[in-house]
Amino acid sequence: MMAEPEFVLYHRLADEQSAAARRWIVQRGLKAWVDFQNVDADAAGFAARGGRRVPALWDGSALHEGFAAIRRVLSSIIRSEEQP
């Protein structure tokens, strides 16, 4: 596993989809890869990446908005890690 998180999950504590994304990430053991950032605490960083809605996942080059998009991105990483 990576030493530092490679992804940033922008979330809002009271947002239902954000909570679902956080749970999904933790349940799959991906928390070490994903830094959780409350969008209200880092509004400037979120806006600088073009963010409009949470949850959103920054992968270093693109922002993926919505829980479904986050699952797609992280699921592809899980599959690539499982291959020999």
PDB file of N, CA and C in Angstrom:
ATOM      1  N   MET A   1       0.828  -1.175   0.000  1.00  0.00           N
ATOM      2  CA  MET A   1       0.000   0.000   0.000  1.00  0.00           C
ATOM      3  C   MET A   1       0.876   1.244   0.000  1.00  0.00           C
ATOM      4  N   MET A   2       0.323   2.353  -0.489  1.00  0.00           N
ATOM      5  CA  MET A   2       1.065   3.586  -0.612  1.00  0.00           C
ATOM      6  C   MET A   2       1.291   4.250   0.744  1.00  0.00           C
ATOM      7  N   ALA A   3       2.393   4.968   0.848  1.00  0.00           N
ATOM      8  CA  ALA A   3       2.727   5.628   2.105  1.00  0.00           C
ATOM      9  C   ALA A   3       1.849   6.847   2.363  1.00  0.00           C
ATOM     10  N   GLU A   4       1.567   7.619   1.335  1.00  0.00           N
ATOM     11  CA  GLU A   4       0.742   8.818   1.489  1.00  0.00           C
ATOM     12  C   GLU A   4      -0.483   8.701   0.597  1.00  0.00           C
ATOM     13  N   PRO A   5      -1.584   9.311   1.015  1.00  0.00           N
ATOM     14  CA  PRO A   5      -2.792   9.260   0.182  1.00  0.00           C
ATOM     15  C   PRO A   5      -2.549   9.866  -1.195  1.00  0.00           C
ATOM     16  N   GLU A   6      -3.086   9.216  -2.211  1.00  0.00           N
ATOM     17  CA  GLU A   6      -2.973   9.712  -3.573  1.00  0.00           C
ATOM     18  C   GLU A   6      -4.224  10.442  -4.014  1.00  0.00           C
ATOM     19  N   PHE A   7      -5.305  10.278  -3.280  1.00  0.00           N
ATOM     20  CA  PHE A   7      -6.597  10.839  -3.656  1.00  0.00           C
ATOM     21  C   PHE A   7      -7.121  11.719  -2.532  1.00  0.00           C
ATOM     22  N   VAL A   8      -7.983  12.655  -2.909  1.00  0.00           N
ATOM     23  CA  VAL A   8      -8.655  13.496  -1.928  1.00  0.00           C
ATOM     24  C   VAL A   8     -10.155  13.330  -2.127  1.00  0.00           C
ATOM     25  N   LEU A   9     -10.839  12.948  -1.063  1.00  0.00           N
ATOM     26  CA  LEU A   9     -12.296  12.890  -1.080  1.00  0.00           C
ATOM     27  C   LEU A   9     -12.812  14.174  -0.455  1.00  0.00           C
ATOM     28  N   TYR A  10     -13.456  14.999  -1.269  1.00  0.00           N
ATOM     29  CA  TYR A  10     -14.132  16.181  -0.752  1.00  0.00           C
ATOM     30  C   TYR A  10     -15.527  15.754  -0.339  1.00  0.00           C
ATOM     31  N   HIS A  11     -15.873  16.048   0.897  1.00  0.00           N
ATOM     32  CA  HIS A  11     -17.146  15.590   1.446  1.00  0.00           C
ATOM     33  C   HIS A  11     -17.720  16.650   2.362  1.00  0.00           C
ATOM     34  N   ARG A  12     -18.939  16.438   2.767  1.00  0.00           N
ATOM     35  CA  ARG A  12     -19.595  17.287   3.760  1.00  0.00           C
ATOM     36  C   ARG A  12     -20.156  16.344   4.810  1.00  0.00           C
ATOM     37  N   LEU A  13     -19.903  16.626   6.075  1.00  0.00           N
ATOM     38  CA  LEU A  13     -20.290  15.719   7.157  1.00  0.00           C
ATOM     39  C   LEU A  13     -21.769  15.363   7.141  1.00  0.00           C
ATOM     40  N   ALA A  14     -22.647  16.319   6.937  1.00  0.00           N
ATOM     41  CA  ALA A  14     -24.086  16.070   7.011  1.00  0.00           C
ATOM     42  C   ALA A  14     -24.683  15.546   5.708  1.00  0.00           C
ATOM     43  N   ASP A  15     -23.873  15.410   4.669  1.00  0.00           N
ATOM     44  CA  ASP A  15     -24.366  14.960   3.365  1.00  0.00           C
ATOM     45  C   ASP A  15     -24.449  13.434   3.314  1.00  0.00           C
ATOM     46  N   GLU A  16     -25.621  12.922   2.944  1.00  0.00           N
ATOM     47  CA  GLU A  16     -25.857  11.480   2.918  1.00  0.00           C
ATOM     48  C   GLU A  16     -24.940  10.742   1.944  1.00  0.00           C
ATOM     49  N   GLN A  17     -24.765  11.293   0.747  1.00  0.00           N
ATOM     50  CA  GLN A  17     -23.905  10.643  -0.246  1.00  0.00           C
ATOM     51  C   GLN A  17     -22.434  10.695   0.174  1.00  0.00           C
ATOM     52  N   SER A  18     -22.054  11.770   0.833  1.00  0.00           N
ATOM     53  CA  SER A  18     -20.676  11.862   1.350  1.00  0.00           C
ATOM     54  C   SER A  18     -20.431  10.786   2.403  1.00  0.00           C
ATOM     55  N   ALA A  19     -21.407  10.591   3.277  1.00  0.00           N
ATOM     56  CA  ALA A  19     -21.279   9.552   4.311  1.00  0.00           C
ATOM     57  C   ALA A  19     -21.170   8.175   3.670  1.00  0.00           C
ATOM     58  N   ALA A  20     -21.969   7.940   2.640  1.00  0.00           N
ATOM     59  CA  ALA A  20     -21.919   6.652   1.935  1.00  0.00           C
ATOM     60  C   ALA A  20     -20.550   6.446   1.296  1.00  0.00           C
ATOM     61  N   ALA A  21     -19.993   7.486   0.709  1.00  0.00           N
ATOM     62  CA  ALA A  21     -18.667   7.382   0.082  1.00  0.00           C
ATOM     63  C   ALA A  21     -17.592   7.098   1.132  1.00  0.00           C
ATOM     64  N   ARG A  22     -17.647   7.789   2.253  1.00  0.00           N
ATOM     65  CA  ARG A  22     -16.664   7.538   3.317  1.00  0.00           C
ATOM     66  C   ARG A  22     -16.742   6.097   3.809  1.00  0.00           C
ATOM     67  N   ARG A  23     -17.958   5.621   4.056  1.00  0.00           N
ATOM     68  CA  ARG A  23     -18.132   4.223   4.514  1.00  0.00           C
ATOM     69  C   ARG A  23     -17.586   3.249   3.485  1.00  0.00           C
ATOM     70  N   TRP A  24     -17.927   3.456   2.226  1.00  0.00           N
ATOM     71  CA  TRP A  24     -17.505   2.568   1.139  1.00  0.00           C
ATOM     72  C   TRP A  24     -15.977   2.493   1.099  1.00  0.00           C
ATOM     73  N   ILE A  25     -15.314   3.626   1.199  1.00  0.00           N
ATOM     74  CA  ILE A  25     -13.849   3.675   1.159  1.00  0.00           C
ATOM     75  C   ILE A  25     -13.247   2.933   2.349  1.00  0.00           C
ATOM     76  N   VAL A  26     -13.763   3.191   3.530  1.00  0.00           N
ATOM     77  CA  VAL A  26     -13.240   2.547   4.748  1.00  0.00           C
ATOM     78  C   VAL A  26     -13.487   1.041   4.709  1.00  0.00           C
ATOM     79  N   GLN A  27     -14.676   0.620   4.312  1.00  0.00           N
ATOM     80  CA  GLN A  27     -15.019  -0.808   4.281  1.00  0.00           C
ATOM     81  C   GLN A  27     -14.136  -1.596   3.324  1.00  0.00           C
ATOM     82  N   ARG A  28     -13.614  -0.963   2.307  1.00  0.00           N
ATOM     83  CA  ARG A  28     -12.766  -1.647   1.339  1.00  0.00           C
ATOM     84  C   ARG A  28     -11.278  -1.482   1.621  1.00  0.00           C
ATOM     85  N   GLY A  29     -10.961  -0.897   2.763  1.00  0.00           N
ATOM     86  CA  GLY A  29      -9.560  -0.755   3.152  1.00  0.00           C
ATOM     87  C   GLY A  29      -8.787   0.256   2.335  1.00  0.00           C
ATOM     88  N   LEU A  30      -9.470   1.243   1.778  1.00  0.00           N
ATOM     89  CA  LEU A  30      -8.823   2.218   0.907  1.00  0.00           C
ATOM     90  C   LEU A  30      -8.490   3.536   1.599  1.00  0.00           C
ATOM     91  N   LYS A  31      -8.772   3.634   2.885  1.00  0.00           N
ATOM     92  CA  LYS A  31      -8.583   4.905   3.593  1.00  0.00           C
ATOM     93  C   LYS A  31      -7.129   5.379   3.524  1.00  0.00           C
ATOM     94  N   ALA A  32      -6.180   4.496   3.507  1.00  0.00           N
ATOM     95  CA  ALA A  32      -4.777   4.889   3.413  1.00  0.00           C
ATOM     96  C   ALA A  32      -4.467   5.576   2.079  1.00  0.00           C
ATOM     97  N   TRP A  33      -5.291   5.348   1.086  1.00  0.00           N
ATOM     98  CA  TRP A  33      -5.097   5.936  -0.237  1.00  0.00           C
ATOM     99  C   TRP A  33      -5.839   7.253  -0.396  1.00  0.00           C
ATOM    100  N   VAL A  34      -6.816   7.499   0.472  1.00  0.00           N
ATOM    101  CA  VAL A  34      -7.724   8.629   0.279  1.00  0.00           C
ATOM    102  C   VAL A  34      -7.707   9.549   1.495  1.00  0.00           C
ATOM    103  N   ASP A  35      -7.379  10.806   1.242  1.00  0.00           N
ATOM    104  CA  ASP A  35      -7.411  11.828   2.284  1.00  0.00           C
ATOM    105  C   ASP A  35      -8.813  12.432   2.307  1.00  0.00           C
ATOM    106  N   PHE A  36      -9.494  12.376   3.429  1.00  0.00           N
ATOM    107  CA  PHE A  36     -10.834  12.952   3.555  1.00  0.00           C
ATOM    108  C   PHE A  36     -10.705  14.437   3.880  1.00  0.00           C
ATOM    109  N   GLN A  37     -11.285  15.289   3.052  1.00  0.00           N
ATOM    110  CA  GLN A  37     -11.263  16.727   3.274  1.00  0.00           C
ATOM    111  C   GLN A  37     -12.690  17.257   3.308  1.00  0.00           C
ATOM    112  N   ASN A  38     -13.074  17.843   4.422  1.00  0.00           N
ATOM    113  CA  ASN A  38     -14.385  18.463   4.530  1.00  0.00           C
ATOM    114  C   ASN A  38     -14.384  19.679   3.608  1.00  0.00           C
ATOM    115  N   VAL A  39     -15.314  19.693   2.677  1.00  0.00           N
ATOM    116  CA  VAL A  39     -15.351  20.774   1.687  1.00  0.00           C
ATOM    117  C   VAL A  39     -15.558  22.134   2.343  1.00  0.00           C
ATOM    118  N   ASP A  40     -16.223  22.158   3.472  1.00  0.00           N
ATOM    119  CA  ASP A  40     -16.424  23.431   4.166  1.00  0.00           C
ATOM    120  C   ASP A  40     -15.119  23.960   4.761  1.00  0.00           C
ATOM    121  N   ALA A  41     -14.172  23.086   5.047  1.00  0.00           N
ATOM    122  CA  ALA A  41     -12.876  23.490   5.588  1.00  0.00           C
ATOM    123  C   ALA A  41     -11.865  23.798   4.486  1.00  0.00           C
ATOM    124  N   ASP A  42     -12.081  23.266   3.287  1.00  0.00           N
ATOM    125  CA  ASP A  42     -11.162  23.475   2.160  1.00  0.00           C
ATOM    126  C   ASP A  42     -11.943  23.897   0.922  1.00  0.00           C
ATOM    127  N   ALA A  43     -12.805  24.893   1.071  1.00  0.00           N
ATOM    128  CA  ALA A  43     -13.633  25.363  -0.043  1.00  0.00           C
ATOM    129  C   ALA A  43     -12.778  25.887  -1.194  1.00  0.00           C
ATOM    130  N   ALA A  44     -11.672  26.534  -0.886  1.00  0.00           N
ATOM    131  CA  ALA A  44     -10.810  27.092  -1.924  1.00  0.00           C
ATOM    132  C   ALA A  44     -10.176  25.986  -2.777  1.00  0.00           C
ATOM    133  N   GLY A  45      -9.686  24.936  -2.128  1.00  0.00           N
ATOM    134  CA  GLY A  45      -9.095  23.816  -2.864  1.00  0.00           C
ATOM    135  C   GLY A  45     -10.116  23.114  -3.735  1.00  0.00           C
ATOM    136  N   PHE A  46     -11.303  22.945  -3.197  1.00  0.00           N
ATOM    137  CA  PHE A  46     -12.389  22.311  -3.942  1.00  0.00           C
ATOM    138  C   PHE A  46     -12.768  23.154  -5.155  1.00  0.00           C
ATOM    139  N   ALA A  47     -12.946  24.437  -4.959  1.00  0.00           N
ATOM    140  CA  ALA A  47     -13.313  25.341  -6.058  1.00  0.00           C
ATOM    141  C   ALA A  47     -12.206  25.415  -7.106  1.00  0.00           C
ATOM    142  N   ALA A  48     -10.943  25.400  -6.667  1.00  0.00           N
ATOM    143  CA  ALA A  48      -9.814  25.465  -7.600  1.00  0.00           C
ATOM    144  C   ALA A  48      -9.776  24.259  -8.531  1.00  0.00           C
ATOM    145  N   ARG A  49     -10.344  23.166  -8.083  1.00  0.00           N
ATOM    146  CA  ARG A  49     -10.381  21.947  -8.906  1.00  0.00           C
ATOM    147  C   ARG A  49     -11.679  21.848  -9.706  1.00  0.00           C
ATOM    148  N   GLY A  50     -12.478  22.897  -9.681  1.00  0.00           N
ATOM    149  CA  GLY A  50     -13.720  22.919 -10.451  1.00  0.00           C
ATOM    150  C   GLY A  50     -14.895  22.268  -9.747  1.00  0.00           C
ATOM    151  N   GLY A  51     -14.777  22.037  -8.440  1.00  0.00           N
ATOM    152  CA  GLY A  51     -15.814  21.341  -7.696  1.00  0.00           C
ATOM    153  C   GLY A  51     -17.104  22.132  -7.572  1.00  0.00           C
ATOM    154  N   ARG A  52     -18.213  21.400  -7.750  1.00  0.00           N
ATOM    155  CA  ARG A  52     -19.530  21.992  -7.602  1.00  0.00           C
ATOM    156  C   ARG A  52     -20.399  21.218  -6.629  1.00  0.00           C
ATOM    157  N   ARG A  53     -20.171  19.897  -6.527  1.00  0.00           N
ATOM    158  CA  ARG A  53     -21.006  19.097  -5.622  1.00  0.00           C
ATOM    159  C   ARG A  53     -20.189  17.996  -4.978  1.00  0.00           C
ATOM    160  N   VAL A  54     -20.626  17.612  -3.793  1.00  0.00           N
ATOM    161  CA  VAL A  54     -19.970  16.547  -3.040  1.00  0.00           C
ATOM    162  C   VAL A  54     -20.876  15.326  -3.021  1.00  0.00           C
ATOM    163  N   PRO A  55     -20.307  14.156  -2.823  1.00  0.00           N
ATOM    164  CA  PRO A  55     -18.882  13.894  -2.676  1.00  0.00           C
ATOM    165  C   PRO A  55     -18.170  14.005  -4.015  1.00  0.00           C
ATOM    166  N   ALA A  56     -16.887  14.284  -3.943  1.00  0.00           N
ATOM    167  CA  ALA A  56     -16.064  14.386  -5.137  1.00  0.00           C
ATOM    168  C   ALA A  56     -14.677  13.845  -4.816  1.00  0.00           C
ATOM    169  N   LEU A  57     -14.079  13.189  -5.780  1.00  0.00           N
ATOM    170  CA  LEU A  57     -12.762  12.573  -5.596  1.00  0.00           C
ATOM    171  C   LEU A  57     -11.768  13.198  -6.548  1.00  0.00           C
ATOM    172  N   TRP A  58     -10.713  13.781  -6.009  1.00  0.00           N
ATOM    173  CA  TRP A  58      -9.610  14.325  -6.803  1.00  0.00           C
ATOM    174  C   TRP A  58      -8.567  13.228  -6.947  1.00  0.00           C
ATOM    175  N   ASP A  59      -8.185  12.912  -8.196  1.00  0.00           N
ATOM    176  CA  ASP A  59      -7.225  11.829  -8.428  1.00  0.00           C
ATOM    177  C   ASP A  59      -5.840  12.330  -8.807  1.00  0.00           C
ATOM    178  N   GLY A  60      -5.617  13.622  -8.647  1.00  0.00           N
ATOM    179  CA  GLY A  60      -4.328  14.202  -9.008  1.00  0.00           C
ATOM    180  C   GLY A  60      -4.390  14.957 -10.318  1.00  0.00           C
ATOM    181  N   SER A  61      -5.388  14.625 -11.143  1.00  0.00           N
ATOM    182  CA  SER A  61      -5.523  15.343 -12.411  1.00  0.00           C
ATOM    183  C   SER A  61      -6.973  15.670 -12.763  1.00  0.00           C
ATOM    184  N   ALA A  62      -7.933  14.954 -12.181  1.00  0.00           N
ATOM    185  CA  ALA A  62      -9.346  15.190 -12.497  1.00  0.00           C
ATOM    186  C   ALA A  62     -10.190  15.049 -11.241  1.00  0.00           C
ATOM    187  N   LEU A  63     -11.293  15.772 -11.230  1.00  0.00           N
ATOM    188  CA  LEU A  63     -12.243  15.703 -10.131  1.00  0.00           C
ATOM    189  C   LEU A  63     -13.440  14.881 -10.588  1.00  0.00           C
ATOM    190  N   HIS A  64     -13.759  13.847  -9.836  1.00  0.00           N
ATOM    191  CA  HIS A  64     -14.878  12.950 -10.151  1.00  0.00           C
ATOM    192  C   HIS A  64     -15.983  13.240  -9.140  1.00  0.00           C
ATOM    193  N   GLU A  65     -17.090  13.791  -9.615  1.00  0.00           N
ATOM    194  CA  GLU A  65     -18.166  14.188  -8.721  1.00  0.00           C
ATOM    195  C   GLU A  65     -19.267  13.144  -8.680  1.00  0.00           C
ATOM    196  N   GLY A  66     -19.764  12.913  -7.478  1.00  0.00           N
ATOM    197  CA  GLY A  66     -20.837  11.946  -7.262  1.00  0.00           C
ATOM    198  C   GLY A  66     -20.309  10.611  -6.776  1.00  0.00           C
ATOM    199  N   PHE A  67     -21.114   9.959  -5.949  1.00  0.00           N
ATOM    200  CA  PHE A  67     -20.718   8.677  -5.363  1.00  0.00           C
ATOM    201  C   PHE A  67     -20.489   7.610  -6.430  1.00  0.00           C
ATOM    202  N   ALA A  68     -21.324   7.570  -7.461  1.00  0.00           N
ATOM    203  CA  ALA A  68     -21.155   6.565  -8.522  1.00  0.00           C
ATOM    204  C   ALA A  68     -19.808   6.738  -9.223  1.00  0.00           C
ATOM    205  N   ALA A  69     -19.417   7.961  -9.503  1.00  0.00           N
ATOM    206  CA  ALA A  69     -18.134   8.215 -10.161  1.00  0.00           C
ATOM    207  C   ALA A  69     -16.967   7.821  -9.261  1.00  0.00           C
ATOM    208  N   ILE A  70     -17.101   8.101  -7.979  1.00  0.00           N
ATOM    209  CA  ILE A  70     -16.055   7.725  -7.016  1.00  0.00           C
ATOM    210  C   ILE A  70     -15.894   6.210  -6.968  1.00  0.00           C
ATOM    211  N   ARG A  71     -17.003   5.486  -6.928  1.00  0.00           N
ATOM    212  CA  ARG A  71     -16.938   4.013  -6.920  1.00  0.00           C
ATOM    213  C   ARG A  71     -16.265   3.495  -8.177  1.00  0.00           C
ATOM    214  N   ARG A  72     -16.596   4.067  -9.333  1.00  0.00           N
ATOM    215  CA  ARG A  72     -15.980   3.612 -10.595  1.00  0.00           C
ATOM    216  C   ARG A  72     -14.465   3.790 -10.561  1.00  0.00           C
ATOM    217  N   VAL A  73     -14.016   4.963 -10.160  1.00  0.00           N
ATOM    218  CA  VAL A  73     -12.575   5.250 -10.143  1.00  0.00           C
ATOM    219  C   VAL A  73     -11.850   4.321  -9.172  1.00  0.00           C
ATOM    220  N   LEU A  74     -12.342   4.241  -7.947  1.00  0.00           N
ATOM    221  CA  LEU A  74     -11.648   3.428  -6.946  1.00  0.00           C
ATOM    222  C   LEU A  74     -11.804   1.931  -7.204  1.00  0.00           C
ATOM    223  N   SER A  75     -12.900   1.495  -7.779  1.00  0.00           N
ATOM    224  CA  SER A  75     -13.068   0.076  -8.116  1.00  0.00           C
ATOM    225  C   SER A  75     -12.062  -0.353  -9.163  1.00  0.00           C
ATOM    226  N   SER A  76     -11.765   0.521 -10.112  1.00  0.00           N
ATOM    227  CA  SER A  76     -10.779   0.168 -11.140  1.00  0.00           C
ATOM    228  C   SER A  76      -9.395   0.005 -10.507  1.00  0.00           C
ATOM    229  N   ILE A  77      -9.100   0.773  -9.479  1.00  0.00           N
ATOM    230  CA  ILE A  77      -7.822   0.645  -8.776  1.00  0.00           C
ATOM    231  C   ILE A  77      -7.780  -0.663  -7.993  1.00  0.00           C
ATOM    232  N   ILE A  78      -8.865  -0.992  -7.336  1.00  0.00           N
ATOM    233  CA  ILE A  78      -8.943  -2.249  -6.590  1.00  0.00           C
ATOM    234  C   ILE A  78      -8.684  -3.422  -7.535  1.00  0.00           C
ATOM    235  N   ARG A  79      -9.338  -3.408  -8.691  1.00  0.00           N
ATOM    236  CA  ARG A  79      -9.165  -4.504  -9.659  1.00  0.00           C
ATOM    237  C   ARG A  79      -7.718  -4.577 -10.152  1.00  0.00           C
ATOM    238  N   SER A  80      -7.089  -3.441 -10.405  1.00  0.00           N
ATOM    239  CA  SER A  80      -5.715  -3.472 -10.903  1.00  0.00           C
ATOM    240  C   SER A  80      -4.740  -3.951  -9.832  1.00  0.00           C
ATOM    241  N   GLU A  81      -5.026  -3.658  -8.563  1.00  0.00           N
ATOM    242  CA  GLU A  81      -4.169  -4.116  -7.459  1.00  0.00           C
ATOM    243  C   GLU A  81      -4.303  -5.624  -7.235  1.00  0.00           C
ATOM    244  N   GLU A  82      -5.460  -6.177  -7.580  1.00  0.00           N
ATOM    245  CA  GLU A  82      -5.701  -7.607  -7.337  1.00  0.00           C
ATOM    246  C   GLU A  82      -5.065  -8.481  -8.399  1.00  0.00           C
ATOM    247  N   GLN A  83      -4.713  -7.902  -9.553  1.00  0.00           N
ATOM    248  CA  GLN A  83      -4.128  -8.704 -10.629  1.00  0.00           C
ATOM    249  C   GLN A  83      -2.655  -8.940 -10.360  1.00  0.00           C
ATOM    250  N   PRO A  84      -2.196 -10.156 -10.714  1.00  0.00           N
ATOM    251  CA  PRO A  84      -0.769 -10.475 -10.483  1.00  0.00           C
ATOM    252  C   PRO A  84       0.163  -9.683 -11.362  1.00  0.00           C
TER     253      PRO A  84
END
